[in-house]
């Protein structure tokens, strides 16, 4: 799903698509955090799912930036920045609006 969203965003970078992309990323990472809470606390599944939630934004940002720069030659206008691809200590995932 995210690949199709990124592809359509790169082909047609409207503000609406940028907003939809950011909402999708936020809601997906938040739902992964909620899923982690269904596993026993400190179990391997719990940690794996939390790790996946905190890596999701970075993974999507890397794909989007790669495709964006390949198409437009720079990151100008891209909804993600290089800093979105970095590990951020104590990163917080916000509740989707």
PDB file of N, CA and C in Angstrom:
ATOM      1  N   UNK A   1       0.820  -1.194   0.000  1.00  0.00           N
ATOM      2  CA  UNK A   1       0.000   0.000   0.000  1.00  0.00           C
ATOM      3  C   UNK A   1       0.867   1.263   0.000  1.00  0.00           C
ATOM      4  N   UNK A   2       1.892   1.302   0.850  1.00  0.00           N
ATOM      5  CA  UNK A   2       2.712   2.503   0.958  1.00  0.00           C
ATOM      6  C   UNK A   2       3.473   2.762  -0.336  1.00  0.00           C
ATOM      7  N   UNK A   3       3.864   1.706  -1.042  1.00  0.00           N
ATOM      8  CA  UNK A   3       4.589   1.889  -2.290  1.00  0.00           C
ATOM      9  C   UNK A   3       3.716   2.595  -3.324  1.00  0.00           C
ATOM     10  N   UNK A   4       2.447   2.217  -3.400  1.00  0.00           N
ATOM     11  CA  UNK A   4       1.523   2.868  -4.337  1.00  0.00           C
ATOM     12  C   UNK A   4       1.280   4.321  -3.959  1.00  0.00           C
ATOM     13  N   UNK A   5       1.179   4.576  -2.664  1.00  0.00           N
ATOM     14  CA  UNK A   5       0.979   5.939  -2.188  1.00  0.00           C
ATOM     15  C   UNK A   5       2.199   6.808  -2.509  1.00  0.00           C
ATOM     16  N   UNK A   6       3.380   6.264  -2.300  1.00  0.00           N
ATOM     17  CA  UNK A   6       4.606   7.005  -2.625  1.00  0.00           C
ATOM     18  C   UNK A   6       4.704   7.246  -4.121  1.00  0.00           C
ATOM     19  N   UNK A   7       4.397   6.228  -4.907  1.00  0.00           N
ATOM     20  CA  UNK A   7       4.457   6.361  -6.366  1.00  0.00           C
ATOM     21  C   UNK A   7       3.503   7.453  -6.859  1.00  0.00           C
ATOM     22  N   UNK A   8       2.284   7.461  -6.350  1.00  0.00           N
ATOM     23  CA  UNK A   8       1.326   8.484  -6.788  1.00  0.00           C
ATOM     24  C   UNK A   8       1.732   9.870  -6.291  1.00  0.00           C
ATOM     25  N   UNK A   9       2.324   9.948  -5.109  1.00  0.00           N
ATOM     26  CA  UNK A   9       2.787  11.224  -4.574  1.00  0.00           C
ATOM     27  C   UNK A   9       3.934  11.795  -5.408  1.00  0.00           C
ATOM     28  N   UNK A  10       4.855  10.946  -5.812  1.00  0.00           N
ATOM     29  CA  UNK A  10       5.989  11.413  -6.625  1.00  0.00           C
ATOM     30  C   UNK A  10       5.510  11.863  -8.001  1.00  0.00           C
ATOM     31  N   UNK A  11       4.574  11.131  -8.573  1.00  0.00           N
ATOM     32  CA  UNK A  11       4.063  11.493  -9.903  1.00  0.00           C
ATOM     33  C   UNK A  11       3.221  12.767  -9.866  1.00  0.00           C
ATOM     34  N   UNK A  12       2.480  12.966  -8.774  1.00  0.00           N
ATOM     35  CA  UNK A  12       1.568  14.101  -8.670  1.00  0.00           C
ATOM     36  C   UNK A  12       1.652  14.684  -7.254  1.00  0.00           C
ATOM     37  N   UNK A  13       2.662  15.525  -6.981  1.00  0.00           N
ATOM     38  CA  UNK A  13       2.891  16.007  -5.610  1.00  0.00           C
ATOM     39  C   UNK A  13       1.964  17.139  -5.165  1.00  0.00           C
ATOM     40  N   UNK A  14       0.700  16.837  -5.046  1.00  0.00           N
ATOM     41  CA  UNK A  14      -0.246  17.845  -4.564  1.00  0.00           C
ATOM     42  C   UNK A  14      -0.200  17.896  -3.039  1.00  0.00           C
ATOM     43  N   UNK A  15      -0.673  18.980  -2.476  1.00  0.00           N
ATOM     44  CA  UNK A  15      -0.708  19.120  -1.015  1.00  0.00           C
ATOM     45  C   UNK A  15      -1.616  18.072  -0.386  1.00  0.00           C
ATOM     46  N   UNK A  16      -2.699  17.744  -1.082  1.00  0.00           N
ATOM     47  CA  UNK A  16      -3.625  16.725  -0.574  1.00  0.00           C
ATOM     48  C   UNK A  16      -2.948  15.361  -0.471  1.00  0.00           C
ATOM     49  N   UNK A  17      -2.190  14.979  -1.495  1.00  0.00           N
ATOM     50  CA  UNK A  17      -1.484  13.701  -1.468  1.00  0.00           C
ATOM     51  C   UNK A  17      -0.380  13.700  -0.418  1.00  0.00           C
ATOM     52  N   UNK A  18       0.301  14.827  -0.254  1.00  0.00           N
ATOM     53  CA  UNK A  18       1.335  14.925   0.782  1.00  0.00           C
ATOM     54  C   UNK A  18       0.717  14.724   2.160  1.00  0.00           C
ATOM     55  N   UNK A  19      -0.408  15.359   2.380  1.00  0.00           N
ATOM     56  CA  UNK A  19      -1.101  15.234   3.663  1.00  0.00           C
ATOM     57  C   UNK A  19      -1.598  13.807   3.881  1.00  0.00           C
ATOM     58  N   UNK A  20      -2.141  13.185   2.836  1.00  0.00           N
ATOM     59  CA  UNK A  20      -2.599  11.795   2.935  1.00  0.00           C
ATOM     60  C   UNK A  20      -1.448  10.861   3.257  1.00  0.00           C
ATOM     61  N   UNK A  21      -0.302  11.093   2.641  1.00  0.00           N
ATOM     62  CA  UNK A  21       0.883  10.276   2.889  1.00  0.00           C
ATOM     63  C   UNK A  21       1.308  10.393   4.349  1.00  0.00           C
ATOM     64  N   UNK A  22       1.406  11.618   4.855  1.00  0.00           N
ATOM     65  CA  UNK A  22       1.838  11.825   6.234  1.00  0.00           C
ATOM     66  C   UNK A  22       0.838  11.230   7.229  1.00  0.00           C
ATOM     67  N   UNK A  23      -0.454  11.347   6.937  1.00  0.00           N
ATOM     68  CA  UNK A  23      -1.476  10.753   7.798  1.00  0.00           C
ATOM     69  C   UNK A  23      -1.372   9.234   7.803  1.00  0.00           C
ATOM     70  N   UNK A  24      -1.139   8.653   6.621  1.00  0.00           N
ATOM     71  CA  UNK A  24      -1.026   7.201   6.514  1.00  0.00           C
ATOM     72  C   UNK A  24       0.171   6.693   7.309  1.00  0.00           C
ATOM     73  N   UNK A  25       1.302   7.364   7.182  1.00  0.00           N
ATOM     74  CA  UNK A  25       2.504   6.955   7.911  1.00  0.00           C
ATOM     75  C   UNK A  25       2.253   7.045   9.411  1.00  0.00           C
ATOM     76  N   UNK A  26       1.666   8.149   9.855  1.00  0.00           N
ATOM     77  CA  UNK A  26       1.400   8.331  11.280  1.00  0.00           C
ATOM     78  C   UNK A  26       0.428   7.287  11.809  1.00  0.00           C
ATOM     79  N   UNK A  27      -0.646   7.044  11.090  1.00  0.00           N
ATOM     80  CA  UNK A  27      -1.638   6.081  11.573  1.00  0.00           C
ATOM     81  C   UNK A  27      -1.081   4.656  11.572  1.00  0.00           C
ATOM     82  N   UNK A  28      -0.233   4.339  10.597  1.00  0.00           N
ATOM     83  CA  UNK A  28       0.354   2.997  10.548  1.00  0.00           C
ATOM     84  C   UNK A  28       1.311   2.780  11.708  1.00  0.00           C
ATOM     85  N   UNK A  29       2.184   3.745  11.968  1.00  0.00           N
ATOM     86  CA  UNK A  29       3.125   3.566  13.064  1.00  0.00           C
ATOM     87  C   UNK A  29       2.396   3.532  14.413  1.00  0.00           C
ATOM     88  N   UNK A  30       1.327   4.295  14.548  1.00  0.00           N
ATOM     89  CA  UNK A  30       0.555   4.274  15.792  1.00  0.00           C
ATOM     90  C   UNK A  30      -0.173   2.929  15.957  1.00  0.00           C
ATOM     91  N   UNK A  31      -0.719   2.409  14.872  1.00  0.00           N
ATOM     92  CA  UNK A  31      -1.402   1.115  14.970  1.00  0.00           C
ATOM     93  C   UNK A  31      -0.416  -0.011  15.296  1.00  0.00           C
ATOM     94  N   UNK A  32       0.819   0.121  14.825  1.00  0.00           N
ATOM     95  CA  UNK A  32       1.840  -0.866  15.186  1.00  0.00           C
ATOM     96  C   UNK A  32       2.151  -0.792  16.681  1.00  0.00           C
ATOM     97  N   UNK A  33       2.185   0.406  17.227  1.00  0.00           N
ATOM     98  CA  UNK A  33       2.398   0.549  18.674  1.00  0.00           C
ATOM     99  C   UNK A  33       1.250  -0.075  19.456  1.00  0.00           C
ATOM    100  N   UNK A  34       0.033   0.153  18.991  1.00  0.00           N
ATOM    101  CA  UNK A  34      -1.125  -0.454  19.655  1.00  0.00           C
ATOM    102  C   UNK A  34      -1.071  -1.976  19.564  1.00  0.00           C
ATOM    103  N   UNK A  35      -0.635  -2.478  18.423  1.00  0.00           N
ATOM    104  CA  UNK A  35      -0.514  -3.931  18.243  1.00  0.00           C
ATOM    105  C   UNK A  35       0.520  -4.505  19.211  1.00  0.00           C
ATOM    106  N   UNK A  36       1.605  -3.774  19.439  1.00  0.00           N
ATOM    107  CA  UNK A  36       2.642  -4.240  20.360  1.00  0.00           C
ATOM    108  C   UNK A  36       2.082  -4.444  21.762  1.00  0.00           C
ATOM    109  N   UNK A  37       1.126  -3.607  22.140  1.00  0.00           N
ATOM    110  CA  UNK A  37       0.544  -3.698  23.481  1.00  0.00           C
ATOM    111  C   UNK A  37      -0.329  -4.937  23.650  1.00  0.00           C
ATOM    112  N   UNK A  38      -0.674  -5.616  22.560  1.00  0.00           N
ATOM    113  CA  UNK A  38      -1.465  -6.838  22.666  1.00  0.00           C
ATOM    114  C   UNK A  38      -0.599  -8.038  23.034  1.00  0.00           C
ATOM    115  N   UNK A  39       0.712  -7.893  22.891  1.00  0.00           N
ATOM    116  CA  UNK A  39       1.626  -8.978  23.231  1.00  0.00           C
ATOM    117  C   UNK A  39       2.039  -8.861  24.700  1.00  0.00           C
ATOM    118  N   UNK A  40       2.466  -9.960  25.286  1.00  0.00           N
ATOM    119  CA  UNK A  40       2.936  -9.884  26.677  1.00  0.00           C
ATOM    120  C   UNK A  40       4.083  -8.877  26.802  1.00  0.00           C
ATOM    121  N   UNK A  41       4.047  -8.086  27.867  1.00  0.00           N
ATOM    122  CA  UNK A  41       5.050  -7.049  28.094  1.00  0.00           C
ATOM    123  C   UNK A  41       6.448  -7.670  28.146  1.00  0.00           C
ATOM    124  N   UNK A  42       7.363  -7.052  27.421  1.00  0.00           N
ATOM    125  CA  UNK A  42       8.770  -7.465  27.333  1.00  0.00           C
ATOM    126  C   UNK A  42       8.966  -8.807  26.632  1.00  0.00           C
ATOM    127  N   UNK A  43       7.978  -9.255  25.889  1.00  0.00           N
ATOM    128  CA  UNK A  43       8.158 -10.466  25.088  1.00  0.00           C
ATOM    129  C   UNK A  43       8.872 -10.092  23.795  1.00  0.00           C
ATOM    130  N   UNK A  44       9.372 -11.066  23.075  1.00  0.00           N
ATOM    131  CA  UNK A  44      10.075 -10.800  21.822  1.00  0.00           C
ATOM    132  C   UNK A  44       9.148 -10.164  20.791  1.00  0.00           C
ATOM    133  N   UNK A  45       7.899 -10.609  20.735  1.00  0.00           N
ATOM    134  CA  UNK A  45       6.928 -10.032  19.804  1.00  0.00           C
ATOM    135  C   UNK A  45       6.650  -8.567  20.139  1.00  0.00           C
ATOM    136  N   UNK A  46       6.573  -8.274  21.426  1.00  0.00           N
ATOM    137  CA  UNK A  46       6.348  -6.902  21.889  1.00  0.00           C
ATOM    138  C   UNK A  46       7.474  -5.994  21.391  1.00  0.00           C
ATOM    139  N   UNK A  47       8.720  -6.398  21.623  1.00  0.00           N
ATOM    140  CA  UNK A  47       9.856  -5.578  21.212  1.00  0.00           C
ATOM    141  C   UNK A  47       9.995  -5.495  19.694  1.00  0.00           C
ATOM    142  N   UNK A  48       9.737  -6.594  19.012  1.00  0.00           N
ATOM    143  CA  UNK A  48       9.827  -6.585  17.545  1.00  0.00           C
ATOM    144  C   UNK A  48       8.811  -5.635  16.922  1.00  0.00           C
ATOM    145  N   UNK A  49       7.595  -5.647  17.430  1.00  0.00           N
ATOM    146  CA  UNK A  49       6.547  -4.791  16.883  1.00  0.00           C
ATOM    147  C   UNK A  49       6.814  -3.325  17.206  1.00  0.00           C
ATOM    148  N   UNK A  50       7.297  -3.033  18.395  1.00  0.00           N
ATOM    149  CA  UNK A  50       7.660  -1.651  18.741  1.00  0.00           C
ATOM    150  C   UNK A  50       8.816  -1.166  17.870  1.00  0.00           C
ATOM    151  N   UNK A  51       9.776  -2.031  17.655  1.00  0.00           N
ATOM    152  CA  UNK A  51      10.909  -1.674  16.798  1.00  0.00           C
ATOM    153  C   UNK A  51      10.425  -1.365  15.386  1.00  0.00           C
ATOM    154  N   UNK A  52       9.506  -2.165  14.899  1.00  0.00           N
ATOM    155  CA  UNK A  52       8.928  -1.949  13.569  1.00  0.00           C
ATOM    156  C   UNK A  52       8.183  -0.612  13.515  1.00  0.00           C
ATOM    157  N   UNK A  53       7.454  -0.276  14.571  1.00  0.00           N
ATOM    158  CA  UNK A  53       6.709   0.989  14.614  1.00  0.00           C
ATOM    159  C   UNK A  53       7.651   2.183  14.545  1.00  0.00           C
ATOM    160  N   UNK A  54       8.741   2.129  15.290  1.00  0.00           N
ATOM    161  CA  UNK A  54       9.666   3.259  15.316  1.00  0.00           C
ATOM    162  C   UNK A  54      10.554   3.322  14.077  1.00  0.00           C
ATOM    163  N   UNK A  55      10.644   2.244  13.314  1.00  0.00           N
ATOM    164  CA  UNK A  55      11.438   2.247  12.086  1.00  0.00           C
ATOM    165  C   UNK A  55      10.589   2.582  10.859  1.00  0.00           C
ATOM    166  N   UNK A  56       9.273   2.523  10.985  1.00  0.00           N
ATOM    167  CA  UNK A  56       8.390   2.674   9.820  1.00  0.00           C
ATOM    168  C   UNK A  56       8.551   4.019   9.117  1.00  0.00           C
ATOM    169  N   UNK A  57       8.569   5.114   9.863  1.00  0.00           N
ATOM    170  CA  UNK A  57       8.697   6.450   9.269  1.00  0.00           C
ATOM    171  C   UNK A  57      10.028   6.583   8.523  1.00  0.00           C
ATOM    172  N   UNK A  58      11.096   6.081   9.119  1.00  0.00           N
ATOM    173  CA  UNK A  58      12.418   6.149   8.469  1.00  0.00           C
ATOM    174  C   UNK A  58      12.441   5.350   7.170  1.00  0.00           C
ATOM    175  N   UNK A  59      11.872   4.151   7.206  1.00  0.00           N
ATOM    176  CA  UNK A  59      11.851   3.314   6.009  1.00  0.00           C
ATOM    177  C   UNK A  59      11.067   3.984   4.881  1.00  0.00           C
ATOM    178  N   UNK A  60       9.910   4.538   5.224  1.00  0.00           N
ATOM    179  CA  UNK A  60       9.091   5.227   4.221  1.00  0.00           C
ATOM    180  C   UNK A  60       9.812   6.466   3.693  1.00  0.00           C
ATOM    181  N   UNK A  61      10.459   7.207   4.584  1.00  0.00           N
ATOM    182  CA  UNK A  61      11.182   8.415   4.177  1.00  0.00           C
ATOM    183  C   UNK A  61      12.319   8.080   3.218  1.00  0.00           C
ATOM    184  N   UNK A  62      13.019   6.988   3.473  1.00  0.00           N
ATOM    185  CA  UNK A  62      14.120   6.602   2.577  1.00  0.00           C
ATOM    186  C   UNK A  62      13.599   6.264   1.183  1.00  0.00           C
ATOM    187  N   UNK A  63      12.497   5.532   1.131  1.00  0.00           N
ATOM    188  CA  UNK A  63      11.917   5.167  -0.172  1.00  0.00           C
ATOM    189  C   UNK A  63      11.435   6.417  -0.899  1.00  0.00           C
ATOM    190  N   UNK A  64      10.713   7.271  -0.182  1.00  0.00           N
ATOM    191  CA  UNK A  64      10.172   8.482  -0.798  1.00  0.00           C
ATOM    192  C   UNK A  64      11.292   9.402  -1.282  1.00  0.00           C
ATOM    193  N   UNK A  65      12.287   9.640  -0.452  1.00  0.00           N
ATOM    194  CA  UNK A  65      13.381  10.530  -0.847  1.00  0.00           C
ATOM    195  C   UNK A  65      14.144   9.985  -2.054  1.00  0.00           C
ATOM    196  N   UNK A  66      14.384   8.693  -2.071  1.00  0.00           N
ATOM    197  CA  UNK A  66      15.080   8.070  -3.206  1.00  0.00           C
ATOM    198  C   UNK A  66      14.290   8.298  -4.495  1.00  0.00           C
ATOM    199  N   UNK A  67      12.997   8.029  -4.463  1.00  0.00           N
ATOM    200  CA  UNK A  67      12.163   8.205  -5.651  1.00  0.00           C
ATOM    201  C   UNK A  67      12.004   9.674  -6.024  1.00  0.00           C
ATOM    202  N   UNK A  68      11.885  10.537  -5.026  1.00  0.00           N
ATOM    203  CA  UNK A  68      11.704  11.973  -5.258  1.00  0.00           C
ATOM    204  C   UNK A  68      12.935  12.560  -5.948  1.00  0.00           C
ATOM    205  N   UNK A  69      14.115  12.256  -5.419  1.00  0.00           N
ATOM    206  CA  UNK A  69      15.357  12.789  -5.990  1.00  0.00           C
ATOM    207  C   UNK A  69      15.598  12.208  -7.381  1.00  0.00           C
ATOM    208  N   UNK A  70      15.245  10.954  -7.589  1.00  0.00           N
ATOM    209  CA  UNK A  70      15.397  10.354  -8.919  1.00  0.00           C
ATOM    210  C   UNK A  70      14.506  11.055  -9.936  1.00  0.00           C
ATOM    211  N   UNK A  71      13.341  11.528  -9.505  1.00  0.00           N
ATOM    212  CA  UNK A  71      12.403  12.192 -10.405  1.00  0.00           C
ATOM    213  C   UNK A  71      12.691  13.678 -10.568  1.00  0.00           C
ATOM    214  N   UNK A  72      12.952  14.372  -9.455  1.00  0.00           N
ATOM    215  CA  UNK A  72      13.065  15.828  -9.490  1.00  0.00           C
ATOM    216  C   UNK A  72      14.487  16.366  -9.321  1.00  0.00           C
ATOM    217  N   UNK A  73      15.425  15.518  -8.955  1.00  0.00           N
ATOM    218  CA  UNK A  73      16.821  15.942  -8.847  1.00  0.00           C
ATOM    219  C   UNK A  73      17.192  16.593  -7.527  1.00  0.00           C
ATOM    220  N   UNK A  74      16.230  16.916  -6.683  1.00  0.00           N
ATOM    221  CA  UNK A  74      16.503  17.490  -5.360  1.00  0.00           C
ATOM    222  C   UNK A  74      15.349  17.147  -4.428  1.00  0.00           C
ATOM    223  N   UNK A  75      15.497  17.502  -3.164  1.00  0.00           N
ATOM    224  CA  UNK A  75      14.438  17.220  -2.190  1.00  0.00           C
ATOM    225  C   UNK A  75      13.468  18.380  -2.034  1.00  0.00           C
ATOM    226  N   UNK A  76      13.601  19.385  -2.852  1.00  0.00           N
ATOM    227  CA  UNK A  76      12.727  20.548  -2.776  1.00  0.00           C
ATOM    228  C   UNK A  76      11.273  20.147  -3.011  1.00  0.00           C
ATOM    229  N   UNK A  77      10.414  20.501  -2.061  1.00  0.00           N
ATOM    230  CA  UNK A  77       8.988  20.197  -2.173  1.00  0.00           C
ATOM    231  C   UNK A  77       8.592  18.850  -1.621  1.00  0.00           C
ATOM    232  N   UNK A  78       9.551  18.046  -1.225  1.00  0.00           N
ATOM    233  CA  UNK A  78       9.268  16.706  -0.701  1.00  0.00           C
ATOM    234  C   UNK A  78       8.706  16.819   0.722  1.00  0.00           C
ATOM    235  N   UNK A  79       7.672  16.037   1.052  1.00  0.00           N
ATOM    236  CA  UNK A  79       7.091  16.122   2.389  1.00  0.00           C
ATOM    237  C   UNK A  79       7.994  15.553   3.487  1.00  0.00           C
ATOM    238  N   UNK A  80       9.008  14.798   3.118  1.00  0.00           N
ATOM    239  CA  UNK A  80       9.961  14.244   4.079  1.00  0.00           C
ATOM    240  C   UNK A  80      11.313  14.904   3.855  1.00  0.00           C
ATOM    241  N   UNK A  81      12.130  14.915   4.889  1.00  0.00           N
ATOM    242  CA  UNK A  81      13.472  15.467   4.784  1.00  0.00           C
ATOM    243  C   UNK A  81      14.482  14.395   5.160  1.00  0.00           C
ATOM    244  N   UNK A  82      15.738  14.709   4.958  1.00  0.00           N
ATOM    245  CA  UNK A  82      16.793  13.767   5.305  1.00  0.00           C
ATOM    246  C   UNK A  82      16.747  13.418   6.791  1.00  0.00           C
ATOM    247  N   UNK A  83      16.408  14.366   7.638  1.00  0.00           N
ATOM    248  CA  UNK A  83      16.371  14.097   9.079  1.00  0.00           C
ATOM    249  C   UNK A  83      15.316  13.050   9.444  1.00  0.00           C
ATOM    250  N   UNK A  84      14.310  12.878   8.604  1.00  0.00           N
ATOM    251  CA  UNK A  84      13.302  11.840   8.850  1.00  0.00           C
ATOM    252  C   UNK A  84      13.869  10.436   8.686  1.00  0.00           C
ATOM    253  N   UNK A  85      15.024  10.312   8.037  1.00  0.00           N
ATOM    254  CA  UNK A  85      15.634   9.001   7.827  1.00  0.00           C
ATOM    255  C   UNK A  85      16.572   8.614   8.969  1.00  0.00           C
ATOM    256  N   UNK A  86      16.810   9.510   9.904  1.00  0.00           N
ATOM    257  CA  UNK A  86      17.752   9.256  10.989  1.00  0.00           C
ATOM    258  C   UNK A  86      17.062   8.622  12.193  1.00  0.00           C
ATOM    259  N   UNK A  87      17.842   7.900  12.989  1.00  0.00           N
ATOM    260  CA  UNK A  87      17.338   7.393  14.261  1.00  0.00           C
ATOM    261  C   UNK A  87      17.248   8.562  15.225  1.00  0.00           C
ATOM    262  N   UNK A  88      16.083   8.790  15.760  1.00  0.00           N
ATOM    263  CA  UNK A  88      15.877   9.892  16.686  1.00  0.00           C
ATOM    264  C   UNK A  88      15.712   9.311  18.084  1.00  0.00           C
ATOM    265  N   UNK A  89      16.642   9.639  19.006  1.00  0.00           N
ATOM    266  CA  UNK A  89      16.467   9.104  20.359  1.00  0.00           C
ATOM    267  C   UNK A  89      15.196   9.647  21.002  1.00  0.00           C
ATOM    268  N   UNK A  90      14.515   8.801  21.708  1.00  0.00           N
ATOM    269  CA  UNK A  90      13.289   9.162  22.421  1.00  0.00           C
ATOM    270  C   UNK A  90      12.221   9.709  21.472  1.00  0.00           C
ATOM    271  N   UNK A  91      12.165   9.143  20.282  1.00  0.00           N
ATOM    272  CA  UNK A  91      11.164   9.534  19.284  1.00  0.00           C
ATOM    273  C   UNK A  91       9.760   9.254  19.854  1.00  0.00           C
ATOM    274  N   UNK A  92       8.845  10.144  19.571  1.00  0.00           N
ATOM    275  CA  UNK A  92       7.465   9.956  19.995  1.00  0.00           C
ATOM    276  C   UNK A  92       6.583   9.767  18.778  1.00  0.00           C
ATOM    277  N   UNK A  93       5.657   8.858  18.898  1.00  0.00           N
ATOM    278  CA  UNK A  93       4.670   8.642  17.859  1.00  0.00           C
ATOM    279  C   UNK A  93       3.369   9.252  18.356  1.00  0.00           C
ATOM    280  N   UNK A  94       2.843  10.188  17.601  1.00  0.00           N
ATOM    281  CA  UNK A  94       1.649  10.915  18.023  1.00  0.00           C
ATOM    282  C   UNK A  94       0.379  10.167  17.636  1.00  0.00           C
ATOM    283  N   UNK A  95      -0.659  10.385  18.410  1.00  0.00           N
ATOM    284  CA  UNK A  95      -1.974   9.806  18.117  1.00  0.00           C
ATOM    285  C   UNK A  95      -2.485  10.447  16.836  1.00  0.00           C
ATOM    286  N   UNK A  96      -2.914   9.647  15.846  1.00  0.00           N
ATOM    287  CA  UNK A  96      -3.439  10.209  14.602  1.00  0.00           C
ATOM    288  C   UNK A  96      -4.665  11.063  14.848  1.00  0.00           C
ATOM    289  N   UNK A  97      -4.783  12.122  14.064  1.00  0.00           N
ATOM    290  CA  UNK A  97      -5.936  13.027  14.186  1.00  0.00           C
ATOM    291  C   UNK A  97      -7.062  12.590  13.306  1.00  0.00           C
TER     292      UNK A  97
END
